[in-house]
Amino acid sequence: ILPPIRIGITLYMVAHLWLGGLGMFLFVQTLSSIKMHPIKEAARQRFFSSLIPHPCPPFSRP
């Protein structure tokens, strides 16, 4: 493989690793910030609890 091509592949790999690491970091930061905010957590629990009491549609019953 020619050196410029190898350098390009290396930069491509490094860019993908960096973007993947940044995405994971932002994902973890978002999850931790959601867990840290009790207001968001309460709103999310209220949303899920409002979904639960609805009866199942007839086609999903055994």
N, C-alpha and C. Protein backbone atom coordinates (compact mmCIF):
# COMPACT_ATOMS: atom_id res chain seq x y z
N ILE A 1 0.85 -1.20 0.00
CA ILE A 1 0.00 0.00 0.00
C ILE A 1 0.89 1.24 0.00
N LEU A 2 0.52 2.22 -0.79
CA LEU A 2 1.28 3.46 -0.85
C LEU A 2 1.16 4.21 0.47
N PRO A 3 2.21 4.93 0.86
CA PRO A 3 2.17 5.65 2.15
C PRO A 3 1.03 6.65 2.27
N PRO A 4 0.70 7.45 1.23
CA PRO A 4 -0.44 8.40 1.40
C PRO A 4 -1.75 7.67 1.68
N ILE A 5 -1.95 6.51 1.03
CA ILE A 5 -3.18 5.76 1.26
C ILE A 5 -3.21 5.24 2.69
N ARG A 6 -2.03 4.76 3.15
CA ARG A 6 -1.98 4.23 4.51
C ARG A 6 -2.23 5.35 5.53
N ILE A 7 -1.68 6.52 5.26
CA ILE A 7 -1.92 7.66 6.16
C ILE A 7 -3.40 8.03 6.15
N GLY A 8 -4.02 8.00 4.97
CA GLY A 8 -5.44 8.32 4.89
C GLY A 8 -6.29 7.32 5.65
N ILE A 9 -5.94 6.03 5.53
CA ILE A 9 -6.69 5.01 6.26
C ILE A 9 -6.51 5.20 7.76
N THR A 10 -5.27 5.53 8.18
CA THR A 10 -5.01 5.74 9.61
C THR A 10 -5.81 6.93 10.13
N LEU A 11 -5.84 8.02 9.37
CA LEU A 11 -6.62 9.19 9.79
C LEU A 11 -8.10 8.84 9.84
N TYR A 12 -8.56 8.04 8.87
CA TYR A 12 -9.96 7.62 8.84
C TYR A 12 -10.31 6.81 10.08
N MET A 13 -9.42 5.86 10.44
CA MET A 13 -9.65 5.04 11.63
C MET A 13 -9.64 5.91 12.89
N VAL A 14 -8.67 6.82 12.99
CA VAL A 14 -8.57 7.67 14.18
C VAL A 14 -9.80 8.56 14.29
N ALA A 15 -10.28 9.08 13.16
CA ALA A 15 -11.46 9.94 13.19
C ALA A 15 -12.68 9.15 13.66
N HIS A 16 -12.80 7.90 13.18
CA HIS A 16 -13.95 7.09 13.60
C HIS A 16 -13.86 6.73 15.07
N LEU A 17 -12.65 6.37 15.54
CA LEU A 17 -12.49 6.06 16.96
C LEU A 17 -12.81 7.28 17.81
N TRP A 18 -12.34 8.47 17.35
CA TRP A 18 -12.58 9.69 18.12
C TRP A 18 -14.07 10.02 18.16
N LEU A 19 -14.73 9.90 17.01
CA LEU A 19 -16.17 10.18 16.97
C LEU A 19 -16.95 9.17 17.81
N GLY A 20 -16.53 7.90 17.77
CA GLY A 20 -17.20 6.89 18.58
C GLY A 20 -17.02 7.16 20.06
N GLY A 21 -15.79 7.53 20.45
CA GLY A 21 -15.54 7.84 21.86
C GLY A 21 -16.31 9.08 22.29
N LEU A 22 -16.36 10.09 21.43
CA LEU A 22 -17.10 11.30 21.76
C LEU A 22 -18.59 11.00 21.89
N GLY A 23 -19.11 10.16 20.99
CA GLY A 23 -20.52 9.80 21.07
C GLY A 23 -20.84 9.04 22.35
N MET A 24 -19.97 8.10 22.71
CA MET A 24 -20.18 7.36 23.96
C MET A 24 -20.12 8.31 25.15
N PHE A 25 -19.15 9.25 25.13
CA PHE A 25 -19.01 10.20 26.24
C PHE A 25 -20.26 11.06 26.37
N LEU A 26 -20.75 11.58 25.24
CA LEU A 26 -21.95 12.42 25.29
C LEU A 26 -23.16 11.60 25.73
N PHE A 27 -23.22 10.33 25.30
CA PHE A 27 -24.33 9.46 25.69
C PHE A 27 -24.33 9.23 27.20
N VAL A 28 -23.14 8.96 27.76
CA VAL A 28 -23.04 8.73 29.20
C VAL A 28 -23.35 10.02 29.96
N GLN A 29 -22.87 11.16 29.45
CA GLN A 29 -23.15 12.43 30.11
C GLN A 29 -24.65 12.71 30.11
N THR A 30 -25.32 12.41 28.99
CA THR A 30 -26.76 12.65 28.92
C THR A 30 -27.50 11.75 29.88
N LEU A 31 -27.10 10.48 29.95
CA LEU A 31 -27.76 9.55 30.87
C LEU A 31 -27.56 9.99 32.31
N SER A 32 -26.33 10.40 32.66
CA SER A 32 -26.07 10.80 34.04
C SER A 32 -26.82 12.08 34.37
N SER A 33 -26.94 13.00 33.39
CA SER A 33 -27.67 14.24 33.66
C SER A 33 -29.16 13.96 33.81
N ILE A 34 -29.68 12.97 33.06
CA ILE A 34 -31.09 12.61 33.21
C ILE A 34 -31.32 12.00 34.59
N LYS A 35 -30.37 11.16 35.03
CA LYS A 35 -30.51 10.55 36.35
C LYS A 35 -30.35 11.59 37.46
N MET A 36 -29.58 12.65 37.21
CA MET A 36 -29.32 13.65 38.24
C MET A 36 -30.53 14.56 38.46
N HIS A 37 -31.34 14.77 37.43
CA HIS A 37 -32.44 15.72 37.54
C HIS A 37 -33.70 15.00 38.02
N PRO A 38 -34.16 15.24 39.25
CA PRO A 38 -35.36 14.55 39.72
C PRO A 38 -36.63 15.01 39.00
N ILE A 39 -36.63 16.25 38.48
CA ILE A 39 -37.82 16.74 37.79
C ILE A 39 -38.04 15.95 36.50
N LYS A 40 -36.96 15.75 35.75
CA LYS A 40 -37.08 14.96 34.53
C LYS A 40 -37.47 13.52 34.86
N GLU A 41 -36.89 12.98 35.92
CA GLU A 41 -37.20 11.60 36.32
C GLU A 41 -38.67 11.47 36.70
N ALA A 42 -39.19 12.44 37.46
CA ALA A 42 -40.59 12.39 37.87
C ALA A 42 -41.50 12.51 36.65
N ALA A 43 -41.13 13.38 35.71
CA ALA A 43 -41.94 13.52 34.51
C ALA A 43 -41.92 12.23 33.69
N ARG A 44 -40.75 11.60 33.64
CA ARG A 44 -40.66 10.35 32.89
C ARG A 44 -41.47 9.25 33.56
N GLN A 45 -41.40 9.17 34.89
CA GLN A 45 -42.18 8.15 35.59
C GLN A 45 -43.68 8.41 35.43
N ARG A 46 -44.08 9.68 35.46
CA ARG A 46 -45.50 10.00 35.28
C ARG A 46 -45.94 9.60 33.87
N PHE A 47 -45.07 9.84 32.89
CA PHE A 47 -45.39 9.47 31.51
C PHE A 47 -45.56 7.96 31.38
N PHE A 48 -44.63 7.19 31.97
CA PHE A 48 -44.72 5.74 31.87
C PHE A 48 -45.91 5.21 32.66
N SER A 49 -46.19 5.79 33.83
CA SER A 49 -47.32 5.30 34.61
C SER A 49 -48.64 5.65 33.92
N SER A 50 -48.64 6.72 33.10
CA SER A 50 -49.86 7.03 32.36
C SER A 50 -50.05 6.05 31.20
N LEU A 51 -48.96 5.42 30.75
CA LEU A 51 -49.09 4.43 29.69
C LEU A 51 -49.60 3.09 30.21
N ILE A 52 -49.28 2.78 31.47
CA ILE A 52 -49.55 1.44 31.98
C ILE A 52 -51.05 1.13 32.11
N PRO A 53 -51.91 2.02 32.65
CA PRO A 53 -53.30 1.60 32.92
C PRO A 53 -54.14 1.34 31.68
N HIS A 54 -53.65 1.72 30.49
CA HIS A 54 -54.45 1.49 29.30
C HIS A 54 -54.65 0.00 29.06
N PRO A 55 -55.85 -0.44 28.72
CA PRO A 55 -56.08 -1.87 28.48
C PRO A 55 -55.37 -2.32 27.22
N CYS A 56 -55.03 -3.59 27.17
CA CYS A 56 -54.39 -4.13 25.99
C CYS A 56 -55.40 -4.16 24.84
N PRO A 57 -54.95 -3.90 23.64
CA PRO A 57 -55.87 -4.04 22.49
C PRO A 57 -56.27 -5.51 22.34
N PRO A 58 -57.43 -5.78 21.76
CA PRO A 58 -57.94 -7.16 21.73
C PRO A 58 -57.03 -8.12 20.98
N PHE A 59 -56.30 -7.62 19.94
CA PHE A 59 -55.51 -8.55 19.14
C PHE A 59 -54.27 -9.03 19.88
N SER A 60 -53.86 -8.34 20.95
CA SER A 60 -52.67 -8.79 21.66
C SER A 60 -53.01 -9.71 22.83
N ARG A 61 -54.30 -9.90 23.10
CA ARG A 61 -54.66 -10.82 24.18
C ARG A 61 -54.54 -12.26 23.70
N PRO A 62 -54.11 -13.17 24.53
CA PRO A 62 -53.99 -14.58 24.10
C PRO A 62 -55.37 -15.23 23.91
